[in-house]
Amino acid sequence: MNWTELISIDRAMSAVQAAIVLIVGIPILILLARSAGKMVERNYTLQSGMLVRKGIFYCGLVLLIVIELQQLGFKIHALLGAAGVAGVAIGFAAQTSLSNLISGIFLIFERPFQVGDVISIGDTTGAVLSIDLLSVKLRQFDNKFVRIPNESVIKGQVTNITRFPIRRYDINLGVAYKEDIKRAIKILKEVADNNPYCLDEPEPIILFTGFGESALNILFAVWFLKSDFLNLRNTILGEIKERFDLEGIEIPFPHRTLYTGSVTDPLPIRLVGDDIARSLASADRSVRDSD
């Protein structure tokens, strides 16, 4: 057996060893990443578990690639030097991605929201699916997937709708000027007391806020658990309408009053329909007379 054959056999063995490392290493790496992620999720947050799982997987994958290259006879030092030069060039070419990466690190440490929270970023509202190093991924209520770059999240205004366990639902409504405002407020208090989704503590806020163009304006604000939002909204509006109808309290539509001054006579009103009916009756009599 000559040297050429020995070298070929050695390369073949190296390739086999590299394949074995890859076949065995990747499933072990996936299992290790999942186990570590679940353990972190139980003790901390879902987002922390996702970050640990991805960090272990990608770091382990880089380590496996280095081992594979060594098994195949590549010089790692030369490759690392080339990768460093290429990394600098790619960094200058991908400044936007670098900005998103830095913003993602700030988001991870600042934690203004977590996976599962419902947030609003500009005009976009949805549940947070993941917070990655480059982007935040949301699922809107109509099941649309939205990806928002981290730089836009850092620069814009973010509203975390479900950060706190309870929320307040504000209802602005009006009653007619002829109604007793104290009686209307008392009825609204009873509506809140009878609704199972309204919290007794904090108490509902019912304020007479002023005189509108066509109504007495009232702010009716009730507190609820964040998980009961849809149930509350679907019930309390109908209960207000039903109770006001039962009590004879008018919820007015916009009114307009024409006033020409105290010394003038009332404006005359002519019903056009009556004029047309009289004209038709006169024409009918004329036809009969001619016959």
Protein backbone atom coordinates (compact mmCIF):
# COMPACT_ATOMS: atom_id res chain seq x y z
CA MET A 1 0.00 0.00 0.00
CA ASN A 2 1.55 3.29 -1.12
CA TRP A 3 1.35 6.75 0.48
CA THR A 4 -1.39 7.92 -1.84
CA GLU A 5 -3.67 5.11 -0.77
CA LEU A 6 -2.90 5.75 2.91
CA ILE A 7 -3.73 9.41 2.51
CA SER A 8 -7.01 8.54 0.77
CA ILE A 9 -7.96 6.10 3.54
CA ASP A 10 -7.08 8.68 6.19
CA ARG A 11 -9.25 11.30 4.47
CA ALA A 12 -12.11 8.82 4.18
CA MET A 13 -11.86 8.01 7.90
CA SER A 14 -11.84 11.71 8.72
CA ALA A 15 -14.95 12.23 6.60
CA VAL A 16 -16.69 9.31 8.33
CA GLN A 17 -15.76 10.68 11.76
CA ALA A 18 -17.02 14.13 10.77
CA ALA A 19 -20.32 12.65 9.58
CA ILE A 20 -20.72 10.71 12.84
CA VAL A 21 -20.06 13.84 14.89
CA LEU A 22 -22.64 15.73 12.84
CA ILE A 23 -25.29 12.99 12.97
CA VAL A 24 -24.90 12.43 16.70
CA GLY A 25 -24.12 16.02 17.73
CA ILE A 26 -27.11 17.82 16.20
CA PRO A 27 -29.83 15.73 17.95
CA ILE A 28 -27.94 16.00 21.26
CA LEU A 29 -27.61 19.76 20.75
CA ILE A 30 -31.33 20.15 20.02
CA LEU A 31 -32.26 18.07 23.08
CA LEU A 32 -29.88 20.05 25.30
CA ALA A 33 -31.20 23.40 24.04
CA ARG A 34 -34.83 22.39 24.58
CA SER A 35 -34.19 21.06 28.08
CA ALA A 36 -32.30 24.18 29.14
CA GLY A 37 -34.99 26.42 27.61
CA LYS A 38 -37.81 24.64 29.46
CA MET A 39 -35.94 24.83 32.76
CA VAL A 40 -35.41 28.58 32.34
CA GLU A 41 -39.07 29.09 31.33
CA ARG A 42 -40.26 27.40 34.53
CA ASN A 43 -38.09 29.64 36.73
CA TYR A 44 -38.15 32.90 34.76
CA THR A 45 -40.11 33.95 31.66
CA LEU A 46 -41.04 32.46 28.30
CA GLN A 47 -38.83 34.98 26.50
CA SER A 48 -35.81 34.06 28.66
CA GLY A 49 -36.34 30.41 27.79
CA MET A 50 -36.48 31.22 24.07
CA LEU A 51 -33.23 33.21 24.28
CA VAL A 52 -31.42 30.47 26.20
CA ARG A 53 -32.65 27.82 23.77
CA LYS A 54 -31.52 29.77 20.72
CA GLY A 55 -28.21 30.78 22.34
CA ILE A 56 -27.26 27.20 23.24
CA PHE A 57 -28.29 25.88 19.84
CA TYR A 58 -26.38 28.43 17.76
CA CYS A 59 -23.26 28.37 19.96
CA GLY A 60 -23.28 24.57 19.87
CA LEU A 61 -23.78 24.61 16.12
CA VAL A 62 -20.72 26.86 15.68
CA LEU A 63 -18.72 24.48 17.86
CA LEU A 64 -19.82 21.50 15.77
CA ILE A 65 -18.84 23.27 12.57
CA VAL A 66 -15.37 24.00 13.99
CA ILE A 67 -14.95 20.33 14.97
CA GLU A 68 -16.11 19.25 11.52
CA LEU A 69 -13.58 21.51 9.82
CA GLN A 70 -10.79 20.19 12.03
CA GLN A 71 -11.78 16.63 11.21
CA LEU A 72 -11.65 17.42 7.50
CA GLY A 73 -8.17 18.93 7.80
CA PHE A 74 -8.90 22.63 7.44
CA LYS A 75 -6.66 25.15 9.20
CA ILE A 76 -8.92 26.89 11.69
CA HIS A 77 -6.60 29.85 12.35
CA ALA A 78 -6.57 30.84 8.70
CA LEU A 79 -10.34 30.50 8.48
CA LEU A 80 -10.85 32.63 11.60
CA GLY A 81 -8.62 35.35 10.16
CA ALA A 82 -10.55 35.36 6.91
CA ALA A 83 -13.83 35.37 8.82
CA GLY A 84 -12.70 38.41 10.84
CA VAL A 85 -11.89 40.40 7.71
CA ALA A 86 -15.15 39.33 6.11
CA GLY A 87 -17.05 40.24 9.28
CA VAL A 88 -15.72 43.80 9.21
CA ALA A 89 -16.72 44.20 5.57
CA ILE A 90 -20.17 42.73 6.19
CA GLY A 91 -20.61 45.00 9.23
CA PHE A 92 -20.08 48.14 7.13
CA ALA A 93 -22.41 46.79 4.44
CA ALA A 94 -25.16 45.87 6.92
CA GLN A 95 -25.41 48.89 9.19
CA THR A 96 -29.22 48.60 9.38
CA SER A 97 -28.98 45.03 10.62
CA LEU A 98 -26.35 46.10 13.15
CA SER A 99 -28.67 48.84 14.41
CA ASN A 100 -31.49 46.31 14.75
CA LEU A 101 -29.14 43.96 16.60
CA ILE A 102 -28.15 46.62 19.14
CA SER A 103 -31.80 47.64 19.55
CA GLY A 104 -32.71 44.00 20.11
CA ILE A 105 -30.16 43.74 22.93
CA PHE A 106 -31.68 46.83 24.57
CA LEU A 107 -35.17 45.34 24.25
CA ILE A 108 -34.07 42.07 25.82
CA PHE A 109 -32.54 43.78 28.85
CA GLU A 110 -35.13 46.54 29.23
CA ARG A 111 -38.07 44.13 28.83
CA PRO A 112 -40.89 46.62 28.07
CA PHE A 113 -42.98 43.62 27.00
CA GLN A 114 -42.76 39.83 26.98
CA VAL A 115 -43.88 36.97 24.78
CA GLY A 116 -47.67 36.69 25.05
CA ASP A 117 -48.29 40.38 25.82
CA VAL A 118 -50.64 42.37 23.60
CA ILE A 119 -48.91 45.55 22.46
CA SER A 120 -49.46 48.46 20.10
CA ILE A 121 -46.56 49.82 18.04
CA GLY A 122 -47.77 52.77 16.00
CA ASP A 123 -50.90 51.61 14.19
CA THR A 124 -50.12 47.91 14.66
CA THR A 125 -51.63 45.92 17.53
CA GLY A 126 -51.09 42.23 18.23
CA ALA A 127 -49.82 39.51 20.55
CA VAL A 128 -46.04 39.13 20.83
CA LEU A 129 -44.83 35.84 19.33
CA SER A 130 -41.09 36.38 19.80
CA ILE A 131 -38.48 39.02 20.56
CA ASP A 132 -35.45 38.26 18.42
CA LEU A 133 -32.17 40.07 17.97
CA LEU A 134 -33.30 41.68 14.72
CA SER A 135 -37.06 42.00 14.98
CA VAL A 136 -40.22 41.63 17.05
CA LYS A 137 -42.85 39.31 15.64
CA LEU A 138 -46.56 39.90 16.32
CA ARG A 139 -49.78 38.07 15.56
CA GLN A 140 -52.69 40.43 14.97
CA PHE A 141 -56.22 39.60 16.08
CA ASP A 142 -57.23 38.73 12.51
CA ASN A 143 -54.37 36.17 12.50
CA LYS A 144 -51.98 38.22 10.39
CA PHE A 145 -48.25 37.87 11.01
CA VAL A 146 -46.31 41.14 11.43
CA ARG A 147 -42.53 41.54 11.67
CA ILE A 148 -41.31 44.87 13.04
CA PRO A 149 -37.57 45.75 13.03
CA ASN A 150 -36.17 46.35 16.50
CA GLU A 151 -34.91 49.80 15.53
CA SER A 152 -38.50 50.89 14.79
CA VAL A 153 -39.64 49.53 18.15
CA ILE A 154 -36.91 51.41 20.05
CA LYS A 155 -37.58 54.70 18.21
CA GLY A 156 -41.39 54.52 18.31
CA GLN A 157 -44.00 54.56 21.04
CA VAL A 158 -44.93 51.16 22.43
CA THR A 159 -48.12 50.57 24.43
CA ASN A 160 -48.29 47.37 26.47
CA ILE A 161 -52.01 46.70 26.73
CA THR A 162 -51.81 43.61 28.97
CA ARG A 163 -48.85 44.51 31.19
CA PHE A 164 -50.96 44.88 34.34
CA PRO A 165 -53.51 42.34 35.63
CA ILE A 166 -56.45 44.78 35.59
CA ARG A 167 -57.52 47.44 33.11
CA ARG A 168 -60.12 50.20 32.86
CA TYR A 169 -62.75 50.46 30.14
CA ASP A 170 -63.94 54.04 29.51
CA ILE A 171 -67.42 54.60 28.06
CA ASN A 172 -68.36 58.13 27.03
CA LEU A 173 -72.11 58.51 26.75
CA GLY A 174 -74.77 61.23 26.95
CA VAL A 175 -78.33 61.66 28.19
CA ALA A 176 -80.92 64.20 27.11
CA TYR A 177 -81.02 67.61 28.79
CA LYS A 178 -84.44 66.85 30.23
CA GLU A 179 -83.13 63.88 32.24
CA ASP A 180 -82.19 63.89 35.94
CA ILE A 181 -78.38 63.54 35.90
CA LYS A 182 -78.28 62.07 39.43
CA ARG A 183 -80.79 59.39 38.48
CA ALA A 184 -78.79 58.50 35.37
CA ILE A 185 -75.59 58.15 37.44
CA LYS A 186 -77.40 55.95 39.97
CA ILE A 187 -78.63 53.64 37.19
CA LEU A 188 -75.13 53.35 35.73
CA LYS A 189 -73.82 52.40 39.17
CA GLU A 190 -76.42 49.62 39.36
CA VAL A 191 -75.43 48.40 35.88
CA ALA A 192 -71.81 48.11 37.00
CA ASP A 193 -72.81 46.32 40.23
CA ASN A 194 -74.88 43.75 38.34
CA ASN A 195 -72.29 43.02 35.63
CA PRO A 196 -70.17 39.98 36.65
CA TYR A 197 -67.08 41.24 34.80
CA CYS A 198 -66.89 44.64 36.55
CA LEU A 199 -64.62 44.73 39.58
CA ASP A 200 -65.89 46.12 42.86
CA GLU A 201 -62.38 47.26 43.75
CA PRO A 202 -61.31 49.65 42.29
CA GLU A 203 -64.79 51.13 42.18
CA PRO A 204 -66.34 52.28 38.89
CA ILE A 205 -65.80 55.93 38.00
CA ILE A 206 -68.93 57.83 36.97
CA LEU A 207 -68.42 61.53 36.23
CA PHE A 208 -70.63 64.24 34.81
CA THR A 209 -68.10 65.77 32.42
CA GLY A 210 -70.02 68.68 30.93
CA PHE A 211 -72.63 70.04 28.58
CA GLY A 212 -72.50 68.75 25.03
CA GLU A 213 -74.19 70.10 21.94
CA SER A 214 -77.11 67.72 22.28
CA ALA A 215 -76.59 65.87 25.59
CA LEU A 216 -75.29 65.89 29.14
CA ASN A 217 -71.96 64.08 28.85
CA ILE A 218 -71.04 61.30 31.30
CA LEU A 219 -67.83 59.29 31.69
CA PHE A 220 -68.60 55.73 32.79
CA ALA A 221 -65.31 53.89 33.56
CA VAL A 222 -65.23 50.34 34.95
CA TRP A 223 -62.31 48.13 36.00
CA PHE A 224 -61.93 44.51 34.89
CA LEU A 225 -59.46 41.65 34.67
CA LYS A 226 -57.50 41.82 31.43
CA SER A 227 -58.73 38.35 30.43
CA ASP A 228 -62.38 39.52 30.61
CA PHE A 229 -62.13 42.42 28.15
CA LEU A 230 -64.22 40.93 25.35
CA ASN A 231 -66.84 39.57 27.76
CA LEU A 232 -67.19 42.96 29.45
CA ARG A 233 -67.40 44.92 26.23
CA ASN A 234 -69.96 42.54 24.73
CA THR A 235 -72.27 42.78 27.77
CA ILE A 236 -72.08 46.17 29.42
CA LEU A 237 -72.96 48.31 26.38
CA GLY A 238 -76.13 46.32 25.78
CA GLU A 239 -77.00 46.44 29.48
CA ILE A 240 -76.73 50.23 29.51
CA LYS A 241 -79.07 50.52 26.52
CA GLU A 242 -81.59 48.06 27.96
CA ARG A 243 -81.63 49.71 31.38
CA PHE A 244 -81.99 53.24 29.96
CA ASP A 245 -84.87 52.07 27.76
CA LEU A 246 -86.54 50.44 30.76
CA GLU A 247 -86.17 53.57 32.89
CA GLY A 248 -87.24 55.90 30.08
CA ILE A 249 -83.90 57.72 29.91
CA GLU A 250 -83.20 59.13 26.45
CA ILE A 251 -79.81 58.73 24.80
CA PRO A 252 -80.14 61.62 22.33
CA PHE A 253 -78.98 62.04 18.79
CA PRO A 254 -77.69 65.46 17.68
CA HIS A 255 -80.38 68.19 17.77
CA ARG A 256 -80.51 71.57 16.07
CA THR A 257 -82.78 74.47 17.15
CA LEU A 258 -83.53 77.36 14.77
CA TYR A 259 -83.93 80.68 16.63
CA THR A 260 -84.48 84.03 14.90
CA GLY A 261 -84.76 86.28 17.97
CA SER A 262 -87.30 87.06 20.69
CA VAL A 263 -89.15 89.83 18.76
CA THR A 264 -89.82 87.86 15.59
CA ASP A 265 -92.73 85.58 14.87
CA PRO A 266 -92.24 81.82 14.70
CA LEU A 267 -90.97 80.54 11.38
CA PRO A 268 -93.83 79.36 9.16
CA ILE A 269 -93.70 75.69 8.15
CA ARG A 270 -95.31 74.41 4.98
CA LEU A 271 -95.77 70.70 4.39
CA VAL A 272 -94.87 70.06 0.78
CA GLY A 273 -96.75 66.79 0.77
CA ASP A 274 -100.05 68.52 1.59
CA ASP A 275 -99.53 71.05 -1.23
CA ILE A 276 -98.97 68.23 -3.71
CA ALA A 277 -102.05 66.39 -2.49
CA ARG A 278 -104.19 69.55 -2.86
CA SER A 279 -102.84 70.16 -6.37
CA LEU A 280 -103.68 66.59 -7.42
CA ALA A 281 -107.17 66.87 -5.95
CA SER A 282 -107.78 70.17 -7.81
CA ALA A 283 -106.57 68.68 -11.07
CA ASP A 284 -108.85 65.67 -10.57
CA ARG A 285 -111.88 67.96 -10.03
CA SER A 286 -111.04 69.91 -13.18
CA VAL A 287 -110.97 66.75 -15.24
CA ARG A 288 -114.35 65.63 -13.89
CA ASP A 289 -115.91 69.07 -14.59
CA SER A 290 -114.70 69.02 -18.18
CA ASP A 291 -116.26 65.63 -18.72
